[in-house]
Structure formats: C-alpha cells, structure tokens
Amino acid sequence: MAEAATARLADPDVEARLVRLDRALDSLESAPGPTTRTATEAVALLTEVYGEALARVLDRADEQLAERLAEDELLGHLLVLHDIHPEPAERRAARAVERLRPAVQERGGDVEWAGVEGQVARVRLTTGGGCGSGCGGGGDEVTDAVRAAVLAAAPELTAVEPLTETAPAFVPLTTLTHRSAP
C-alpha cells in the first residue's frame, strides 16, 4: 500500500528554511579547518547535482510545462541559480517591473520597462506631484524596490538604471482659462 504524499512546505516555511540555510552557510564558511572545506565542497557538489537534475527535468518537459515550472517562485529562483531558466533575463525583468507598477502608481508615480543595454536594465520612473525623487525619500524607496525586484528576477543583469522623470503638477484648467480683471 502506497504511503501518503509528503506534505508540501508553504512559501513562508520555505523562506524560513532559506534564511536558516544562509545562516548555516555563513557560519560554516567562517569556521577554519579542513572539515569546513569538506562540508563546503559537499554543499557545492550537492547543488551542482540538483542543478543537473533540474536541467534534465526541463529537457524532458514540453514548453507549456517548462513555463509553468518557471512561474513557480521557488523553482524559478532555482532555475536562475543554475542558469537554466527557459525565459530570457530581459523578459523576467520586464515582468517584475510590471508586477510592481500598481504599487508605484498607488504612490502617485509610475514605472515602465525601458529595456536592457548590455547587462544594465533600464526602467523609466515617474514620481508624482512634481516633487521629484526628493519627496520624503519616497522616490528612493521606489527606486530601491524596483532595483531589488529586477535583480531578483534576473540576477544575470549587473545593474538597474532608473530614467527618472517628474510628472507635472496638476494645474486646474480653470486657473489657466480664468483671467483676473485689470
């Protein structure tokens, strides 16, 4: 009789394990001695073998399945890590910008994908209200969020360059058409 399927980890549980893994690897790398080198080599070899296993899965997957696998956040990151993601870096970065767009628009600005030059992503940022990027640091926060999202989606890119524009301040039409009496 078959055993019940193993329960899957929820995204927050995966994130918690990744944080623990980072801490454990940092601790391991800072410890001196031959045991540390052996353990670090074992982790690297295991990572390479799992990367090869993922590549073989993609080799056997049809295009639709490969896209579905890449859409999963965890699998997508692993595919990027192993340089086997089926989608080009530019398309992944553009999609990351589009996902952020509603949040930026809620803050009175806008963000648009402007393309890639070499290994540098370019995004067009517009800050609202005619205040530029100096409004209480909001522009810097948006720029940092966009940079982080783009580089997380496409770490092959080396930088994100914002092309910043300031939206004109709203001027009511009546102010332009109303002339004061002499």
Protein backbone atom coordinates (compact mmCIF):
# COMPACT_ATOMS: atom_id res chain seq x y z
CA MET A 1 0.00 0.00 0.00
CA ALA A 2 1.40 3.41 -1.00
CA GLU A 3 2.24 5.90 1.69
CA ALA A 4 0.51 9.26 1.78
CA ALA A 5 2.28 12.00 -0.19
CA THR A 6 4.66 14.14 1.80
CA ALA A 7 3.13 17.48 2.75
CA ARG A 8 4.50 20.43 0.83
CA LEU A 9 6.04 23.43 2.54
CA ALA A 10 4.12 26.69 2.44
CA ASP A 11 6.03 29.64 0.97
CA PRO A 12 6.71 31.21 4.40
CA ASP A 13 8.15 27.88 5.60
CA VAL A 14 10.41 27.72 2.54
CA GLU A 15 11.55 31.30 3.17
CA ALA A 16 12.29 30.48 6.83
CA ARG A 17 14.39 27.49 5.77
CA LEU A 18 16.30 29.59 3.24
CA VAL A 19 17.13 32.12 5.98
CA ARG A 20 18.33 29.28 8.22
CA LEU A 21 20.36 27.85 5.33
CA ASP A 22 22.04 31.22 4.70
CA ARG A 23 22.93 31.50 8.38
CA ALA A 24 24.28 27.95 8.48
CA LEU A 25 26.40 28.51 5.35
CA ASP A 26 27.73 31.81 6.72
CA SER A 27 28.64 30.08 9.96
CA LEU A 28 30.25 27.20 8.10
CA GLU A 29 32.30 29.47 5.83
CA SER A 30 33.66 31.42 8.80
CA ALA A 31 34.88 28.29 10.62
CA PRO A 32 38.53 27.37 9.98
CA GLY A 33 39.88 23.95 9.15
CA PRO A 34 39.70 21.01 6.76
CA THR A 35 36.26 19.92 7.96
CA THR A 36 34.87 23.27 6.83
CA ARG A 37 36.41 22.86 3.36
CA THR A 38 34.96 19.36 3.08
CA ALA A 39 31.50 20.48 4.17
CA THR A 40 31.56 23.47 1.80
CA GLU A 41 32.66 21.21 -1.07
CA ALA A 42 29.84 18.77 -0.23
CA VAL A 43 27.27 21.59 -0.38
CA ALA A 44 28.68 22.80 -3.72
CA LEU A 45 28.63 19.30 -5.22
CA LEU A 46 25.10 18.65 -4.00
CA THR A 47 23.98 21.97 -5.51
CA GLU A 48 25.57 21.03 -8.87
CA VAL A 49 23.86 17.61 -8.87
CA TYR A 50 20.46 19.13 -8.09
CA GLY A 51 21.03 21.70 -10.83
CA GLU A 52 21.75 18.91 -13.29
CA ALA A 53 18.59 17.11 -12.15
CA LEU A 54 16.52 20.27 -12.77
CA ALA A 55 18.11 20.69 -16.20
CA ARG A 56 17.13 17.12 -17.08
CA VAL A 57 13.56 17.78 -15.97
CA LEU A 58 13.46 20.81 -18.28
CA ASP A 59 14.96 18.75 -21.13
CA ARG A 60 12.05 16.32 -20.85
CA ALA A 61 9.34 18.95 -20.32
CA ASP A 62 7.29 20.40 -23.11
CA GLU A 63 7.23 24.19 -23.50
CA GLN A 64 3.99 24.60 -21.52
CA LEU A 65 5.29 22.59 -18.56
CA ALA A 66 8.63 24.44 -18.62
CA GLU A 67 6.76 27.75 -18.43
CA ARG A 68 4.61 26.50 -15.54
CA LEU A 69 7.69 25.33 -13.65
CA ALA A 70 9.43 28.66 -14.23
CA GLU A 71 6.38 30.59 -12.99
CA ASP A 72 6.67 28.98 -9.55
CA GLU A 73 8.66 31.42 -7.40
CA LEU A 74 10.92 28.83 -5.76
CA LEU A 75 11.52 26.82 -8.92
CA GLY A 76 12.06 29.99 -10.90
CA HIS A 77 14.81 31.09 -8.49
CA LEU A 78 16.44 27.66 -8.66
CA LEU A 79 16.34 27.71 -12.46
CA VAL A 80 18.02 31.13 -12.41
CA LEU A 81 20.60 29.93 -9.87
CA HIS A 82 21.57 27.07 -12.17
CA ASP A 83 21.45 29.23 -15.31
CA ILE A 84 18.78 27.05 -16.92
CA HIS A 85 15.72 29.33 -16.77
CA PRO A 86 13.81 28.91 -20.05
CA GLU A 87 12.86 32.58 -20.21
CA PRO A 88 15.37 35.32 -21.15
CA ALA A 89 16.56 37.65 -18.38
CA GLU A 90 15.07 40.70 -20.12
CA ARG A 91 11.57 39.20 -20.18
CA ARG A 92 11.78 38.15 -16.50
CA ALA A 93 12.96 41.63 -15.50
CA ALA A 94 10.21 43.32 -17.54
CA ARG A 95 7.59 41.14 -15.85
CA ALA A 96 8.99 42.06 -12.42
CA VAL A 97 8.59 45.75 -13.29
CA GLU A 98 5.00 45.17 -14.46
CA ARG A 99 4.19 43.41 -11.17
CA LEU A 100 5.46 46.47 -9.25
CA ARG A 101 3.65 49.00 -11.41
CA PRO A 102 0.31 49.06 -9.49
CA ALA A 103 2.08 49.69 -6.18
CA VAL A 104 4.14 52.52 -7.68
CA GLN A 105 1.01 54.02 -9.23
CA GLU A 106 -0.70 53.93 -5.82
CA ARG A 107 2.12 56.20 -4.57
CA GLY A 108 1.37 58.68 -7.36
CA GLY A 109 4.15 57.63 -9.70
CA ASP A 110 4.71 55.16 -12.47
CA VAL A 111 7.35 52.70 -13.63
CA GLU A 112 7.84 51.30 -17.11
CA TRP A 113 10.28 48.84 -18.55
CA ALA A 114 12.71 50.62 -20.91
CA GLY A 115 14.89 47.66 -21.94
CA VAL A 116 18.42 46.39 -21.47
CA GLU A 117 21.70 47.84 -22.70
CA GLY A 118 24.48 45.33 -22.28
CA GLN A 119 23.89 43.89 -18.83
CA VAL A 120 22.17 47.00 -17.44
CA ALA A 121 18.39 47.13 -17.07
CA ARG A 122 16.71 50.46 -17.73
CA VAL A 123 13.42 51.49 -16.18
CA ARG A 124 11.53 54.72 -16.64
CA LEU A 125 10.43 56.07 -13.25
CA THR A 126 7.98 58.91 -12.86
CA THR A 127 7.44 60.42 -9.44
CA GLY A 128 4.12 62.08 -8.81
CA GLY A 129 3.13 65.57 -7.81
CA GLY A 130 6.05 67.39 -9.37
CA CYS A 131 8.20 66.75 -6.32
CA GLY A 132 10.91 64.69 -7.95
CA SER A 133 12.69 61.94 -6.10
CA GLY A 134 13.31 64.08 -3.05
CA CYS A 135 9.80 63.84 -1.62
CA GLY A 136 10.38 62.33 1.77
CA GLY A 137 12.62 59.62 0.33
CA GLY A 138 9.66 58.03 -1.45
CA GLY A 139 11.45 58.18 -4.80
CA ASP A 140 14.49 56.43 -3.37
CA GLU A 141 12.29 53.74 -1.82
CA VAL A 142 10.60 53.12 -5.17
CA THR A 143 13.93 53.04 -6.99
CA ASP A 144 15.34 50.58 -4.42
CA ALA A 145 12.24 48.36 -4.66
CA VAL A 146 12.41 48.32 -8.46
CA ARG A 147 16.15 47.57 -8.40
CA ALA A 148 15.68 44.71 -5.94
CA ALA A 149 12.77 43.20 -7.90
CA VAL A 150 14.59 43.37 -11.24
CA LEU A 151 17.83 41.89 -9.92
CA ALA A 152 15.97 39.14 -8.04
CA ALA A 153 14.16 38.16 -11.24
CA ALA A 154 17.26 38.47 -13.44
CA PRO A 155 20.48 38.32 -11.42
CA GLU A 156 22.42 37.96 -14.68
CA LEU A 157 21.92 41.70 -15.10
CA THR A 158 24.59 43.76 -13.35
CA ALA A 159 22.65 46.93 -12.56
CA VAL A 160 19.36 48.78 -12.87
CA GLU A 161 19.48 52.33 -14.15
CA PRO A 162 16.41 54.46 -13.46
CA LEU A 163 15.49 57.01 -16.08
CA THR A 164 13.72 59.39 -13.71
CA GLU A 165 11.06 61.79 -14.85
CA THR A 166 8.93 64.15 -12.80
CA ALA A 167 5.24 64.26 -13.55
CA PRO A 168 3.91 67.77 -13.98
CA ALA A 169 1.99 69.10 -11.02
CA PHE A 170 -1.77 69.21 -11.53
CA VAL A 171 -2.98 72.64 -12.55
CA PRO A 172 -6.77 73.05 -12.73
CA LEU A 173 -7.99 74.09 -16.16
CA THR A 174 -9.96 76.98 -14.63
CA THR A 175 -6.71 78.58 -13.46
CA LEU A 176 -5.40 78.64 -16.99
CA THR A 177 -8.59 79.99 -18.59
CA HIS A 178 -9.59 82.44 -15.87
CA ARG A 179 -8.11 85.91 -16.29
CA SER A 180 -8.16 88.38 -13.48
CA ALA A 181 -9.74 91.77 -14.14
CA PRO A 182 -7.26 94.68 -14.57
